[in-house]
Amino acid sequence: MTKIQVARKEQAAEIASLIMLAMTHESCRWFAGPHHTLEDFHALMTRLVELEDSQYSYLNTLVAMEDDKVAGICTSYDGALLLPLRRAFIEEAFKAFGIDYNGFDEETQAGELYLDSLAVFPEYRGKGIATHLIKATLQKGKEMGLPVGLLVNKENPNAEKLYRSLGFEYANDTTWAGHDMRHLIWNHHAKGS
């Protein structure tokens, strides 16, 4: 039985691994730069999850638990807070890798609960866990009075199909980190719920 709950700080290493799955290891390697490893990037992400003022904070993360094990995560936050929350990533990445990510593309904006990262460990896939996490995030958006927005890579039609099946609608095309993306929105006001 899947239980969805707010993450705990001591789950940071598992949450970091799942965020890295959501980002793709190719992107993680790019962020870490040519002189650092995926392990180095995992250490950075674990620190960011442990913080309370990071976009990847455990406070912004819902976890799906299966038999008392973390099976999946969904990280989301108020888009209006992107830049202050991103500051931790910029500072920690500069300390860890010597790379300055100031001025990086903004993937969200005020007026939406941004679904930043969604991932399920491979051994738990096919059980509807991602759907449970998305539905819990939609409820969070409803409680905050915000539509839920996300970016989906145009090269990931299966993810887009899942989001659309749950009521997300096309908003616009965009790019993020050099990838062609679709911005999808789920608006509880438009859904009449």
Protein backbone atom coordinates (compact mmCIF):
# COMPACT_ATOMS: atom_id res chain seq x y z
CA MET A 1 0.00 0.00 0.00
CA THR A 2 1.47 3.33 -1.07
CA LYS A 3 1.51 6.10 1.53
CA ILE A 4 2.18 9.69 0.46
CA GLN A 5 3.68 11.93 3.13
CA VAL A 6 5.83 15.01 3.55
CA ALA A 7 9.51 14.07 3.36
CA ARG A 8 11.80 13.97 6.36
CA LYS A 9 15.32 15.38 6.48
CA GLU A 10 16.84 11.97 7.15
CA GLN A 11 15.52 10.78 3.75
CA ALA A 12 17.74 13.32 1.96
CA ALA A 13 20.13 10.86 0.28
CA GLU A 14 17.27 8.81 -1.23
CA ILE A 15 15.43 11.98 -2.28
CA ALA A 16 18.63 13.28 -3.92
CA SER A 17 18.96 10.02 -5.90
CA LEU A 18 15.37 10.37 -7.13
CA ILE A 19 15.80 14.03 -8.07
CA MET A 20 18.84 12.98 -10.09
CA LEU A 21 16.70 10.37 -11.88
CA ALA A 22 14.18 13.11 -12.68
CA MET A 23 16.94 15.41 -13.95
CA THR A 24 18.61 12.55 -15.89
CA HIS A 25 22.18 11.56 -15.17
CA GLU A 26 23.27 13.28 -18.39
CA SER A 27 22.01 16.62 -17.02
CA CYS A 28 23.57 15.92 -13.62
CA ARG A 29 26.96 15.32 -15.25
CA TRP A 30 26.57 18.60 -17.17
CA PHE A 31 25.79 20.53 -13.97
CA ALA A 32 28.74 18.92 -12.15
CA GLY A 33 31.14 19.87 -14.92
CA PRO A 34 33.97 17.87 -16.48
CA HIS A 35 36.05 17.55 -13.30
CA HIS A 36 33.39 16.07 -11.01
CA THR A 37 31.46 12.82 -10.75
CA LEU A 38 27.83 11.82 -10.30
CA GLU A 39 28.80 10.99 -6.70
CA ASP A 40 29.95 14.59 -6.24
CA PHE A 41 26.64 15.82 -7.66
CA HIS A 42 24.71 13.44 -5.37
CA ALA A 43 26.55 14.90 -2.35
CA LEU A 44 25.55 18.40 -3.49
CA MET A 45 21.91 17.39 -4.01
CA THR A 46 21.79 15.66 -0.61
CA ARG A 47 22.95 18.90 1.05
CA LEU A 48 20.31 20.87 -0.88
CA VAL A 49 17.54 18.47 0.18
CA GLU A 50 18.62 18.84 3.83
CA LEU A 51 18.26 22.64 3.68
CA GLU A 52 14.98 24.36 4.43
CA ASP A 53 15.49 27.22 1.95
CA SER A 54 16.32 25.26 -1.20
CA GLN A 55 14.05 24.45 -4.12
CA TYR A 56 14.95 20.78 -3.50
CA SER A 57 14.29 20.96 0.26
CA TYR A 58 12.66 18.04 2.00
CA LEU A 59 10.02 20.60 3.05
CA ASN A 60 9.01 20.95 -0.63
CA THR A 61 8.97 17.21 -1.23
CA LEU A 62 6.30 14.55 -0.96
CA VAL A 63 7.51 10.96 -0.70
CA ALA A 64 5.72 7.78 -1.67
CA MET A 65 6.43 5.06 0.85
CA GLU A 66 6.15 1.34 0.07
CA ASP A 67 6.72 -0.98 3.04
CA ASP A 68 8.53 1.80 4.93
CA LYS A 69 10.91 2.44 2.00
CA VAL A 70 11.06 5.56 -0.16
CA ALA A 71 9.69 4.52 -3.55
CA GLY A 72 9.26 7.90 -5.23
CA ILE A 73 9.18 11.67 -4.78
CA CYS A 74 7.52 14.79 -6.06
CA THR A 75 9.16 18.14 -5.32
CA SER A 76 7.09 21.30 -5.84
CA TYR A 77 7.09 24.93 -4.68
CA ASP A 78 5.48 28.30 -5.28
CA GLY A 79 6.90 29.59 -8.56
CA ALA A 80 7.14 33.08 -7.05
CA LEU A 81 9.89 31.71 -4.76
CA LEU A 82 12.08 30.22 -7.51
CA LEU A 83 14.89 32.77 -7.36
CA PRO A 84 15.25 32.90 -3.55
CA LEU A 85 15.01 29.07 -3.39
CA ARG A 86 17.50 28.65 -6.25
CA ARG A 87 20.10 30.75 -4.40
CA ALA A 88 21.13 27.68 -2.37
CA PHE A 89 21.83 25.69 -5.55
CA ILE A 90 23.85 28.55 -7.04
CA GLU A 91 25.94 28.97 -3.88
CA GLU A 92 26.48 25.24 -3.25
CA ALA A 93 27.30 24.47 -6.92
CA PHE A 94 29.87 27.27 -6.97
CA LYS A 95 31.48 25.95 -3.76
CA ALA A 96 31.45 22.34 -4.96
CA PHE A 97 32.23 22.72 -8.66
CA GLY A 98 33.47 26.29 -9.17
CA ILE A 99 30.70 26.88 -11.72
CA ASP A 100 28.51 29.99 -11.60
CA TYR A 101 24.87 29.26 -12.45
CA ASN A 102 23.62 32.82 -11.93
CA GLY A 103 21.42 33.88 -14.82
CA PHE A 104 20.28 30.34 -15.59
CA ASP A 105 16.88 29.95 -17.31
CA GLU A 106 13.83 30.39 -15.07
CA GLU A 107 11.58 27.37 -15.42
CA THR A 108 8.61 28.81 -13.52
CA GLN A 109 7.10 32.10 -12.39
CA ALA A 110 4.69 33.57 -9.86
CA GLY A 111 1.16 32.27 -10.10
CA GLU A 112 1.78 28.53 -10.16
CA LEU A 113 2.83 25.70 -7.90
CA TYR A 114 5.78 24.39 -9.89
CA LEU A 115 6.17 20.62 -10.06
CA ASP A 116 9.97 20.55 -10.25
CA SER A 117 10.91 16.88 -9.88
CA LEU A 118 8.95 13.64 -10.09
CA ALA A 119 10.62 10.24 -9.99
CA VAL A 120 10.02 6.66 -8.90
CA PHE A 121 12.80 4.14 -8.30
CA PRO A 122 12.83 1.56 -11.14
CA GLU A 123 11.87 -1.36 -8.89
CA TYR A 124 8.63 0.42 -7.91
CA ARG A 125 7.53 1.55 -11.37
CA GLY A 126 4.29 0.36 -12.94
CA LYS A 127 2.36 0.51 -9.66
CA GLY A 128 0.72 3.93 -10.11
CA ILE A 129 3.06 5.63 -7.63
CA ALA A 130 3.77 8.59 -9.93
CA THR A 131 0.02 9.11 -10.33
CA HIS A 132 -0.45 9.09 -6.53
CA LEU A 133 2.33 11.66 -6.16
CA ILE A 134 0.92 13.91 -8.88
CA LYS A 135 -2.59 13.77 -7.39
CA ALA A 136 -1.19 14.71 -3.97
CA THR A 137 0.65 17.63 -5.59
CA LEU A 138 -2.55 18.73 -7.36
CA GLN A 139 -4.25 18.76 -3.96
CA LYS A 140 -1.37 20.84 -2.56
CA GLY A 141 -1.87 23.34 -5.40
CA LYS A 142 -5.59 23.47 -4.73
CA GLU A 143 -4.98 24.15 -1.03
CA MET A 144 -2.55 26.94 -1.97
CA GLY A 145 -5.00 28.37 -4.49
CA LEU A 146 -2.48 27.89 -7.32
CA PRO A 147 -2.62 26.01 -10.60
CA VAL A 148 0.10 23.37 -10.93
CA GLY A 149 2.62 23.89 -13.72
CA LEU A 150 5.46 21.77 -15.02
CA LEU A 151 7.86 21.43 -17.90
CA VAL A 152 8.01 18.17 -19.83
CA ASN A 153 10.73 17.38 -22.33
CA LYS A 154 9.29 17.07 -25.85
CA GLU A 155 11.41 13.91 -26.19
CA ASN A 156 9.47 12.27 -23.32
CA PRO A 157 6.00 11.58 -24.78
CA ASN A 158 5.20 8.95 -22.13
CA ALA A 159 5.53 11.53 -19.34
CA GLU A 160 3.44 14.02 -21.28
CA LYS A 161 0.78 11.35 -21.84
CA LEU A 162 0.63 10.66 -18.08
CA TYR A 163 0.31 14.38 -17.24
CA ARG A 164 -2.40 14.91 -19.87
CA SER A 165 -4.33 11.86 -18.61
CA LEU A 166 -4.47 13.58 -15.21
CA GLY A 167 -5.88 16.81 -16.67
CA PHE A 168 -2.79 18.88 -17.45
CA GLU A 169 -3.22 21.07 -20.50
CA TYR A 170 -0.75 22.63 -22.92
CA ALA A 171 0.20 26.22 -22.04
CA ASN A 172 3.18 26.98 -24.31
CA ASP A 173 6.48 25.78 -25.74
CA THR A 174 9.69 26.79 -24.03
CA THR A 175 13.30 25.74 -23.66
CA TRP A 176 15.16 24.94 -20.49
CA ALA A 177 18.84 24.06 -20.25
CA GLY A 178 18.96 23.73 -24.02
CA HIS A 179 16.07 21.25 -24.20
CA ASP A 180 12.78 21.81 -26.03
CA MET A 181 10.02 21.63 -23.44
CA ARG A 182 6.26 21.93 -23.15
CA HIS A 183 4.82 23.96 -20.27
CA LEU A 184 1.71 22.17 -19.01
CA ILE A 185 -0.79 23.54 -16.48
CA TRP A 186 -3.42 21.91 -14.28
CA ASN A 187 -5.89 24.50 -13.02
CA HIS A 188 -8.34 23.40 -10.34
CA HIS A 189 -10.55 26.45 -11.11
CA ALA A 190 -10.88 25.40 -14.75
CA LYS A 191 -11.58 21.81 -13.64
CA GLY A 192 -14.53 22.95 -11.53
CA SER A 193 -13.19 21.21 -8.45
